Amino acid sequence: MTHMSPLRTDAHPDVRSDAHSDAPGGHHRPARQQQRQQQRQPPEVRRAMIIDAARELIAAQGMHATTIRDIAAAAGVAVGTVTYHFSGIAEVLAGVLQAEMTQFSAPVMSAAASADTGRRGLDILTDGLLASGDRAAEHWKLWLDFWTLAAHQPHYADWQAGVYVDLHHLVESLLRRGAADGSLHASAPARQAVEYIALMDGLVVQAYLPDSRLKPDQARAMLTNFVISVFTAPDTTTAQAATKTPAAVTKPDRSRRTR
């Protein structure tokens, strides 16, 4: 993801936080010893520990329910260690999303870019980014929090725009490759790449919310059907679509809901 620039601003050291992070008393000594051991580690290691702890917390309870103190406790470091690396919870979330792009999205995008045909690349992208399971759900819950953050803070909106530039460029290149190798029919690759990603975003919002009527496997089938209907030659569209019909959207049990 070479297009994306770091989101981190200048660090904000708070040298007094470590000194006052534990109350006097022998029962706090192991915690202080653990903090001293972690403080001797390189800064990049401590930052990675904070990112890992924050990812689990924010994915589980959301950005607005997570505090710097929560993250420090989960990472086993002092509050001052967290504030040395991050100016606040928004910057922590931005760091988490950068790590997510490297750990979750980048391998999928790389595999799609390396596919033998344009159509196969789109299938890899669809199946990988709209995957089932807890890991994909955590990833998209973090993104849902970040979308809210980017809607109100231009700095983060700029970074997010860079992510979309990379995604659009990848999909456009797959469409152009598919048109060249005969696996896809794309009349306007640049515009259609934006449409594909926009549909994916809408499916993400539906498929990864708790108790959603739309499940990830159904979302994948819907996006695959979009690819078949829009990018497949007319003589093969019907046959391929017949094998990709999504399961019926789950109907809510209204007997359990009250207003």
C-alpha atoms as a PDB file:
ATOM      1  CA  MET A   1       0.000   0.000   0.000  1.00  0.00           C
ATOM      2  CA  THR A   2       2.566   2.541  -1.099  1.00  0.00           C
ATOM      3  CA  HIS A   3       0.054   5.316  -1.624  1.00  0.00           C
ATOM      4  CA  MET A   4      -0.934   5.661   2.020  1.00  0.00           C
ATOM      5  CA  SER A   5       0.992   8.049   4.229  1.00  0.00           C
ATOM      6  CA  PRO A   6       1.491   7.663   7.986  1.00  0.00           C
ATOM      7  CA  LEU A   7      -1.281   9.061  10.143  1.00  0.00           C
ATOM      8  CA  ARG A   8       0.812   9.529  13.242  1.00  0.00           C
ATOM      9  CA  THR A   9       1.510  13.049  14.430  1.00  0.00           C
ATOM     10  CA  ASP A  10       4.348  14.082  16.712  1.00  0.00           C
ATOM     11  CA  ALA A  11       4.596  12.080  19.913  1.00  0.00           C
ATOM     12  CA  HIS A  12       3.440  13.637  23.165  1.00  0.00           C
ATOM     13  CA  PRO A  13       5.717  12.372  25.956  1.00  0.00           C
ATOM     14  CA  ASP A  14       4.475  12.463  29.505  1.00  0.00           C
ATOM     15  CA  VAL A  15       7.452  11.513  31.640  1.00  0.00           C
ATOM     16  CA  ARG A  16       5.515  11.901  34.883  1.00  0.00           C
ATOM     17  CA  SER A  17       2.883   9.283  34.027  1.00  0.00           C
ATOM     18  CA  ASP A  18       5.201   6.301  34.584  1.00  0.00           C
ATOM     19  CA  ALA A  19       6.371   7.609  37.904  1.00  0.00           C
ATOM     20  CA  HIS A  20       2.846   7.966  39.291  1.00  0.00           C
ATOM     21  CA  SER A  21       1.113   5.086  37.510  1.00  0.00           C
ATOM     22  CA  ASP A  22       1.120   2.823  40.600  1.00  0.00           C
ATOM     23  CA  ALA A  23       0.174   3.589  44.163  1.00  0.00           C
ATOM     24  CA  PRO A  24       2.783   2.811  46.882  1.00  0.00           C
ATOM     25  CA  GLY A  25       2.640  -0.671  48.274  1.00  0.00           C
ATOM     26  CA  GLY A  26       4.213  -4.089  47.779  1.00  0.00           C
ATOM     27  CA  HIS A  27       1.194  -5.549  45.978  1.00  0.00           C
ATOM     28  CA  HIS A  28       1.819  -3.205  43.022  1.00  0.00           C
ATOM     29  CA  ARG A  29       5.470  -4.139  42.583  1.00  0.00           C
ATOM     30  CA  PRO A  30       4.965  -6.872  39.919  1.00  0.00           C
ATOM     31  CA  ALA A  31       3.013  -4.443  37.722  1.00  0.00           C
ATOM     32  CA  ARG A  32       5.794  -1.853  38.030  1.00  0.00           C
ATOM     33  CA  GLN A  33       8.415  -4.459  37.218  1.00  0.00           C
ATOM     34  CA  GLN A  34       6.431  -5.533  34.136  1.00  0.00           C
ATOM     35  CA  GLN A  35       6.197  -1.904  32.976  1.00  0.00           C
ATOM     36  CA  ARG A  36       9.955  -1.388  33.449  1.00  0.00           C
ATOM     37  CA  GLN A  37      10.685  -4.495  31.385  1.00  0.00           C
ATOM     38  CA  GLN A  38       8.427  -3.245  28.589  1.00  0.00           C
ATOM     39  CA  GLN A  39       9.943   0.240  28.767  1.00  0.00           C
ATOM     40  CA  ARG A  40      13.355  -1.283  28.031  1.00  0.00           C
ATOM     41  CA  GLN A  41      12.012  -2.645  24.744  1.00  0.00           C
ATOM     42  CA  PRO A  42      12.512  -0.613  21.548  1.00  0.00           C
ATOM     43  CA  PRO A  43       9.854   2.061  20.911  1.00  0.00           C
ATOM     44  CA  GLU A  44       8.564   0.280  17.801  1.00  0.00           C
ATOM     45  CA  VAL A  45       7.944  -2.872  19.866  1.00  0.00           C
ATOM     46  CA  ARG A  46       6.021  -0.951  22.529  1.00  0.00           C
ATOM     47  CA  ARG A  47       4.004   0.807  19.838  1.00  0.00           C
ATOM     48  CA  ALA A  48       3.119  -2.534  18.229  1.00  0.00           C
ATOM     49  CA  MET A  49       2.029  -3.906  21.617  1.00  0.00           C
ATOM     50  CA  ILE A  50      -0.266  -0.913  22.086  1.00  0.00           C
ATOM     51  CA  ILE A  51      -1.708  -1.312  18.583  1.00  0.00           C
ATOM     52  CA  ASP A  52      -2.431  -5.010  19.142  1.00  0.00           C
ATOM     53  CA  ALA A  53      -4.164  -4.365  22.466  1.00  0.00           C
ATOM     54  CA  ALA A  54      -6.146  -1.457  21.038  1.00  0.00           C
ATOM     55  CA  ARG A  55      -7.326  -3.479  18.045  1.00  0.00           C
ATOM     56  CA  GLU A  56      -8.914  -6.116  20.255  1.00  0.00           C
ATOM     57  CA  LEU A  57     -10.515  -3.567  22.584  1.00  0.00           C
ATOM     58  CA  ILE A  58     -11.910  -1.260  19.911  1.00  0.00           C
ATOM     59  CA  ALA A  59     -13.188  -4.151  17.806  1.00  0.00           C
ATOM     60  CA  ALA A  60     -14.992  -5.543  20.848  1.00  0.00           C
ATOM     61  CA  GLN A  61     -16.470  -2.384  22.361  1.00  0.00           C
ATOM     62  CA  GLY A  62     -16.038   0.456  19.868  1.00  0.00           C
ATOM     63  CA  MET A  63     -13.829   3.530  19.783  1.00  0.00           C
ATOM     64  CA  HIS A  64     -16.132   5.714  21.878  1.00  0.00           C
ATOM     65  CA  ALA A  65     -16.284   3.159  24.700  1.00  0.00           C
ATOM     66  CA  THR A  66     -12.503   2.706  24.815  1.00  0.00           C
ATOM     67  CA  THR A  67     -10.142   4.958  26.766  1.00  0.00           C
ATOM     68  CA  ILE A  68      -6.396   5.432  26.730  1.00  0.00           C
ATOM     69  CA  ARG A  69      -6.321   3.945  30.231  1.00  0.00           C
ATOM     70  CA  ASP A  70      -8.151   0.837  28.958  1.00  0.00           C
ATOM     71  CA  ILE A  71      -5.582   0.415  26.201  1.00  0.00           C
ATOM     72  CA  ALA A  72      -2.659   0.918  28.572  1.00  0.00           C
ATOM     73  CA  ALA A  73      -4.028  -1.731  30.924  1.00  0.00           C
ATOM     74  CA  ALA A  74      -4.618  -4.206  28.097  1.00  0.00           C
ATOM     75  CA  ALA A  75      -1.121  -3.637  26.701  1.00  0.00           C
ATOM     76  CA  GLY A  76       0.479  -3.836  30.146  1.00  0.00           C
ATOM     77  CA  VAL A  77       2.086  -0.389  29.893  1.00  0.00           C
ATOM     78  CA  ALA A  78       1.704   2.924  31.669  1.00  0.00           C
ATOM     79  CA  VAL A  79      -0.724   5.531  30.407  1.00  0.00           C
ATOM     80  CA  GLY A  80       2.259   7.789  29.697  1.00  0.00           C
ATOM     81  CA  THR A  81       3.701   5.158  27.371  1.00  0.00           C
ATOM     82  CA  VAL A  82       0.538   5.246  25.275  1.00  0.00           C
ATOM     83  CA  THR A  83       0.437   9.051  25.187  1.00  0.00           C
ATOM     84  CA  TYR A  84       4.106   9.103  24.183  1.00  0.00           C
ATOM     85  CA  HIS A  85       3.199   7.291  20.955  1.00  0.00           C
ATOM     86  CA  PHE A  86      -0.341   8.590  20.346  1.00  0.00           C
ATOM     87  CA  SER A  87      -2.001  11.947  20.953  1.00  0.00           C
ATOM     88  CA  GLY A  88      -5.390  10.395  21.733  1.00  0.00           C
ATOM     89  CA  ILE A  89      -7.856   7.631  20.971  1.00  0.00           C
ATOM     90  CA  ALA A  90      -8.447   8.852  17.404  1.00  0.00           C
ATOM     91  CA  GLU A  91      -4.768   8.528  16.583  1.00  0.00           C
ATOM     92  CA  VAL A  92      -4.701   5.082  18.185  1.00  0.00           C
ATOM     93  CA  LEU A  93      -7.561   3.975  15.921  1.00  0.00           C
ATOM     94  CA  ALA A  94      -5.739   5.403  12.918  1.00  0.00           C
ATOM     95  CA  GLY A  95      -2.678   3.358  13.877  1.00  0.00           C
ATOM     96  CA  VAL A  96      -4.835   0.275  14.229  1.00  0.00           C
ATOM     97  CA  LEU A  97      -6.274   0.818  10.741  1.00  0.00           C
ATOM     98  CA  GLN A  98      -2.813   1.189   9.250  1.00  0.00           C
ATOM     99  CA  ALA A  99      -1.901  -2.163  10.774  1.00  0.00           C
ATOM    100  CA  GLU A 100      -5.168  -3.638   9.495  1.00  0.00           C
ATOM    101  CA  MET A 101      -4.364  -2.592   5.953  1.00  0.00           C
ATOM    102  CA  THR A 102      -1.010  -4.367   6.229  1.00  0.00           C
ATOM    103  CA  GLN A 103      -2.230  -7.491   8.010  1.00  0.00           C
ATOM    104  CA  PHE A 104      -5.709  -8.046   6.546  1.00  0.00           C
ATOM    105  CA  SER A 105      -6.248  -6.122   3.318  1.00  0.00           C
ATOM    106  CA  ALA A 106      -2.798  -6.055   1.728  1.00  0.00           C
ATOM    107  CA  PRO A 107      -2.409  -9.863   1.389  1.00  0.00           C
ATOM    108  CA  VAL A 108      -5.829 -10.104  -0.282  1.00  0.00           C
ATOM    109  CA  MET A 109      -5.077  -7.224  -2.630  1.00  0.00           C
ATOM    110  CA  SER A 110      -1.656  -8.664  -3.485  1.00  0.00           C
ATOM    111  CA  ALA A 111      -3.177 -12.059  -4.272  1.00  0.00           C
ATOM    112  CA  ALA A 112      -5.816 -10.416  -6.459  1.00  0.00           C
ATOM    113  CA  ALA A 113      -3.190  -8.419  -8.340  1.00  0.00           C
ATOM    114  CA  SER A 114      -1.185 -11.621  -8.949  1.00  0.00           C
ATOM    115  CA  ALA A 115      -4.128 -13.672 -10.243  1.00  0.00           C
ATOM    116  CA  ASP A 116      -3.788 -15.289 -13.643  1.00  0.00           C
ATOM    117  CA  THR A 117      -6.883 -13.532 -15.062  1.00  0.00           C
ATOM    118  CA  GLY A 118      -8.765 -10.352 -14.324  1.00  0.00           C
ATOM    119  CA  ARG A 119     -11.914 -12.280 -13.404  1.00  0.00           C
ATOM    120  CA  ARG A 120      -9.997 -14.510 -10.988  1.00  0.00           C
ATOM    121  CA  GLY A 121      -8.514 -11.392  -9.397  1.00  0.00           C
ATOM    122  CA  LEU A 122     -11.975  -9.926  -8.763  1.00  0.00           C
ATOM    123  CA  ASP A 123     -13.123 -13.225  -7.246  1.00  0.00           C
ATOM    124  CA  ILE A 124     -10.138 -13.254  -4.885  1.00  0.00           C
ATOM    125  CA  LEU A 125     -10.832  -9.668  -3.861  1.00  0.00           C
ATOM    126  CA  THR A 126     -14.523 -10.361  -3.252  1.00  0.00           C
ATOM    127  CA  ASP A 127     -13.980 -13.566  -1.285  1.00  0.00           C
ATOM    128  CA  GLY A 128     -11.069 -12.175   0.723  1.00  0.00           C
ATOM    129  CA  LEU A 129     -12.466  -8.807   1.760  1.00  0.00           C
ATOM    130  CA  LEU A 130     -16.004 -10.086   2.394  1.00  0.00           C
ATOM    131  CA  ALA A 131     -14.846 -13.167   4.256  1.00  0.00           C
ATOM    132  CA  SER A 132     -16.818 -14.973   6.932  1.00  0.00           C
ATOM    133  CA  GLY A 133     -15.494 -15.434  10.460  1.00  0.00           C
ATOM    134  CA  ASP A 134     -14.486 -13.361  13.458  1.00  0.00           C
ATOM    135  CA  ARG A 135     -11.332 -11.900  11.910  1.00  0.00           C
ATOM    136  CA  ALA A 136     -13.167 -10.272   9.010  1.00  0.00           C
ATOM    137  CA  ALA A 137     -15.914  -9.068  11.351  1.00  0.00           C
ATOM    138  CA  GLU A 138     -13.324  -7.410  13.612  1.00  0.00           C
ATOM    139  CA  HIS A 139     -11.672  -5.761  10.610  1.00  0.00           C
ATOM    140  CA  TRP A 140     -14.898  -4.209   9.345  1.00  0.00           C
ATOM    141  CA  LYS A 141     -16.066  -3.109  12.796  1.00  0.00           C
ATOM    142  CA  LEU A 142     -12.819  -1.146  13.070  1.00  0.00           C
ATOM    143  CA  TRP A 143     -13.429   0.372   9.632  1.00  0.00           C
ATOM    144  CA  LEU A 144     -16.972   1.362  10.588  1.00  0.00           C
ATOM    145  CA  ASP A 145     -15.549   3.311  13.539  1.00  0.00           C
ATOM    146  CA  PHE A 146     -12.921   4.901  11.303  1.00  0.00           C
ATOM    147  CA  TRP A 147     -15.480   5.969   8.697  1.00  0.00           C
ATOM    148  CA  THR A 148     -17.208   7.973  11.440  1.00  0.00           C
ATOM    149  CA  LEU A 149     -13.896   9.530  12.445  1.00  0.00           C
ATOM    150  CA  ALA A 150     -12.972  10.419   8.858  1.00  0.00           C
ATOM    151  CA  ALA A 151     -16.377  12.036   8.314  1.00  0.00           C
ATOM    152  CA  HIS A 152     -15.465  14.740  10.837  1.00  0.00           C
ATOM    153  CA  GLN A 153     -11.669  15.086  10.646  1.00  0.00           C
ATOM    154  CA  PRO A 154     -10.110  16.020   7.296  1.00  0.00           C
ATOM    155  CA  HIS A 155      -6.692  14.595   8.155  1.00  0.00           C
ATOM    156  CA  TYR A 156      -8.131  11.111   8.498  1.00  0.00           C
ATOM    157  CA  ALA A 157     -10.459  11.649   5.550  1.00  0.00           C
ATOM    158  CA  ASP A 158      -7.394  12.320   3.370  1.00  0.00           C
ATOM    159  CA  TRP A 159      -5.799   9.047   4.442  1.00  0.00           C
ATOM    160  CA  GLN A 160      -9.023   7.165   3.811  1.00  0.00           C
ATOM    161  CA  ALA A 161      -9.251   8.740   0.359  1.00  0.00           C
ATOM    162  CA  GLY A 162      -5.790   7.347  -0.339  1.00  0.00           C
ATOM    163  CA  VAL A 163      -6.988   3.863   0.583  1.00  0.00           C
ATOM    164  CA  TYR A 164      -9.843   4.220  -1.906  1.00  0.00           C
ATOM    165  CA  VAL A 165      -7.456   5.403  -4.611  1.00  0.00           C
ATOM    166  CA  ASP A 166      -5.488   2.176  -4.167  1.00  0.00           C
ATOM    167  CA  LEU A 167      -8.626   0.025  -4.216  1.00  0.00           C
ATOM    168  CA  HIS A 168     -10.058   1.755  -7.269  1.00  0.00           C
ATOM    169  CA  HIS A 169      -6.746   1.452  -9.082  1.00  0.00           C
ATOM    170  CA  LEU A 170      -6.527  -2.273  -8.309  1.00  0.00           C
ATOM    171  CA  VAL A 171     -10.073  -3.008  -9.476  1.00  0.00           C
ATOM    172  CA  GLU A 172      -9.629  -0.879 -12.597  1.00  0.00           C
ATOM    173  CA  SER A 173      -6.438  -2.764 -13.450  1.00  0.00           C
ATOM    174  CA  LEU A 174      -8.220  -6.099 -12.968  1.00  0.00           C
ATOM    175  CA  LEU A 175     -11.048  -4.973 -15.236  1.00  0.00           C
ATOM    176  CA  ARG A 176      -8.614  -3.861 -17.910  1.00  0.00           C
ATOM    177  CA  ARG A 177      -6.692  -7.119 -17.621  1.00  0.00           C
ATOM    178  CA  GLY A 178      -9.923  -9.100 -17.800  1.00  0.00           C
ATOM    179  CA  ALA A 179     -10.927  -7.227 -20.930  1.00  0.00           C
ATOM    180  CA  ALA A 180      -7.550  -8.069 -22.451  1.00  0.00           C
ATOM    181  CA  ASP A 181      -7.554 -11.766 -21.481  1.00  0.00           C
ATOM    182  CA  GLY A 182     -11.216 -12.301 -22.348  1.00  0.00           C
ATOM    183  CA  SER A 183     -12.412 -13.150 -18.828  1.00  0.00           C
ATOM    184  CA  LEU A 184     -14.317  -9.859 -18.375  1.00  0.00           C
ATOM    185  CA  HIS A 185     -16.162  -7.298 -20.461  1.00  0.00           C
ATOM    186  CA  ALA A 186     -15.575  -3.779 -19.120  1.00  0.00           C
ATOM    187  CA  SER A 187     -16.660  -0.799 -21.196  1.00  0.00           C
ATOM    188  CA  ALA A 188     -15.626   1.886 -18.648  1.00  0.00           C
ATOM    189  CA  PRO A 189     -13.102   0.361 -16.208  1.00  0.00           C
ATOM    190  CA  ALA A 190     -12.426   3.511 -14.166  1.00  0.00           C
ATOM    191  CA  ARG A 191     -16.097   4.240 -13.477  1.00  0.00           C
ATOM    192  CA  GLN A 192     -17.011   0.601 -12.992  1.00  0.00           C
ATOM    193  CA  ALA A 193     -14.204   0.127 -10.460  1.00  0.00           C
ATOM    194  CA  VAL A 194     -15.762   2.861  -8.321  1.00  0.00           C
ATOM    195  CA  GLU A 195     -19.155   1.163  -8.645  1.00  0.00           C
ATOM    196  CA  TYR A 196     -17.741  -2.204  -7.550  1.00  0.00           C
ATOM    197  CA  ILE A 197     -16.101  -0.736  -4.419  1.00  0.00           C
ATOM    198  CA  ALA A 198     -19.199   1.342  -3.602  1.00  0.00           C
ATOM    199  CA  LEU A 199     -21.347  -1.791  -3.709  1.00  0.00           C
ATOM    200  CA  MET A 200     -18.826  -3.611  -1.532  1.00  0.00           C
ATOM    201  CA  ASP A 201     -18.959  -0.801   1.059  1.00  0.00           C
ATOM    202  CA  GLY A 202     -22.742  -0.947   1.191  1.00  0.00           C
ATOM    203  CA  LEU A 203     -22.654  -4.709   1.677  1.00  0.00           C
ATOM    204  CA  VAL A 204     -20.056  -4.334   4.440  1.00  0.00           C
ATOM    205  CA  VAL A 205     -22.325  -2.016   6.412  1.00  0.00           C
ATOM    206  CA  GLN A 206     -25.139  -4.552   6.154  1.00  0.00           C
ATOM    207  CA  ALA A 207     -23.247  -7.818   6.562  1.00  0.00           C
ATOM    208  CA  TYR A 208     -20.997  -7.120   9.543  1.00  0.00           C
ATOM    209  CA  LEU A 209     -23.406  -5.424  11.920  1.00  0.00           C
ATOM    210  CA  PRO A 210     -24.678  -7.562  14.824  1.00  0.00           C
ATOM    211  CA  ASP A 211     -27.952  -9.397  14.121  1.00  0.00           C
ATOM    212  CA  SER A 212     -27.917  -8.292  10.493  1.00  0.00           C
ATOM    213  CA  ARG A 213     -30.394  -9.876   8.067  1.00  0.00           C
ATOM    214  CA  LEU A 214     -27.572 -10.103   5.527  1.00  0.00           C
ATOM    215  CA  LYS A 215     -24.707 -12.501   6.218  1.00  0.00           C
ATOM    216  CA  PRO A 216     -21.176 -12.314   4.735  1.00  0.00           C
ATOM    217  CA  ASP A 217     -21.710 -15.335   2.477  1.00  0.00           C
ATOM    218  CA  GLN A 218     -24.826 -13.687   1.056  1.00  0.00           C
ATOM    219  CA  ALA A 219     -22.914 -10.423   0.588  1.00  0.00           C
ATOM    220  CA  ARG A 220     -20.198 -12.265  -1.330  1.00  0.00           C
ATOM    221  CA  ALA A 221     -22.784 -13.902  -3.570  1.00  0.00           C
ATOM    222  CA  MET A 222     -24.439 -10.546  -4.297  1.00  0.00           C
ATOM    223  CA  LEU A 223     -21.129  -8.924  -5.250  1.00  0.00           C
ATOM    224  CA  THR A 224     -20.185 -11.911  -7.377  1.00  0.00           C
ATOM    225  CA  ASN A 225     -23.535 -11.700  -9.159  1.00  0.00           C
ATOM    226  CA  PHE A 226     -22.835  -8.021  -9.827  1.00  0.00           C
ATOM    227  CA  VAL A 227     -19.539  -8.993 -11.459  1.00  0.00           C
ATOM    228  CA  ILE A 228     -21.278 -11.679 -13.524  1.00  0.00           C
ATOM    229  CA  SER A 229     -24.141  -9.458 -14.644  1.00  0.00           C
ATOM    230  CA  VAL A 230     -22.039  -6.403 -15.492  1.00  0.00           C
ATOM    231  CA  PHE A 231     -18.692  -7.782 -16.624  1.00  0.00           C
ATOM    232  CA  THR A 232     -19.470 -11.148 -18.223  1.00  0.00           C
ATOM    233  CA  ALA A 233     -20.192 -11.643 -21.903  1.00  0.00           C
ATOM    234  CA  PRO A 234     -23.984 -11.962 -22.541  1.00  0.00           C
ATOM    235  CA  ASP A 235     -23.829 -15.573 -23.754  1.00  0.00           C
ATOM    236  CA  THR A 236     -22.314 -16.786 -20.460  1.00  0.00           C
ATOM    237  CA  THR A 237     -24.039 -14.529 -17.937  1.00  0.00           C
ATOM    238  CA  THR A 238     -27.166 -16.632 -17.382  1.00  0.00           C
ATOM    239  CA  ALA A 239     -25.297 -19.884 -16.867  1.00  0.00           C
ATOM    240  CA  GLN A 240     -22.822 -18.379 -14.401  1.00  0.00           C
ATOM    241  CA  ALA A 241     -25.447 -16.473 -12.434  1.00  0.00           C
ATOM    242  CA  ALA A 242     -27.426 -19.662 -11.876  1.00  0.00           C
ATOM    243  CA  THR A 243     -24.560 -21.035  -9.769  1.00  0.00           C
ATOM    244  CA  LYS A 244     -24.130 -17.866  -7.699  1.00  0.00           C
ATOM    245  CA  THR A 245     -27.639 -17.171  -6.420  1.00  0.00           C
ATOM    246  CA  PRO A 246     -27.360 -15.967  -2.804  1.00  0.00           C
ATOM    247  CA  ALA A 247     -29.318 -17.601  -0.040  1.00  0.00           C
ATOM    248  CA  ALA A 248     -32.497 -15.854   1.015  1.00  0.00           C
ATOM    249  CA  VAL A 249     -31.956 -12.874   3.269  1.00  0.00           C
ATOM    250  CA  THR A 250     -32.652 -13.872   6.845  1.00  0.00           C
ATOM    251  CA  LYS A 251     -35.988 -12.603   8.088  1.00  0.00           C
ATOM    252  CA  PRO A 252     -35.904 -10.998  11.534  1.00  0.00           C
ATOM    253  CA  ASP A 253     -37.803 -12.616  14.411  1.00  0.00           C
ATOM    254  CA  ARG A 254     -40.173  -9.765  15.130  1.00  0.00           C
ATOM    255  CA  SER A 255     -41.721 -11.605  18.062  1.00  0.00           C
ATOM    256  CA  ARG A 256     -38.633 -10.783  20.114  1.00  0.00           C
ATOM    257  CA  ARG A 257     -38.560  -7.078  19.257  1.00  0.00           C
ATOM    258  CA  THR A 258     -40.510  -4.297  20.861  1.00  0.00           C
ATOM    259  CA  ARG A 259     -40.538  -0.623  20.098  1.00  0.00           C
END
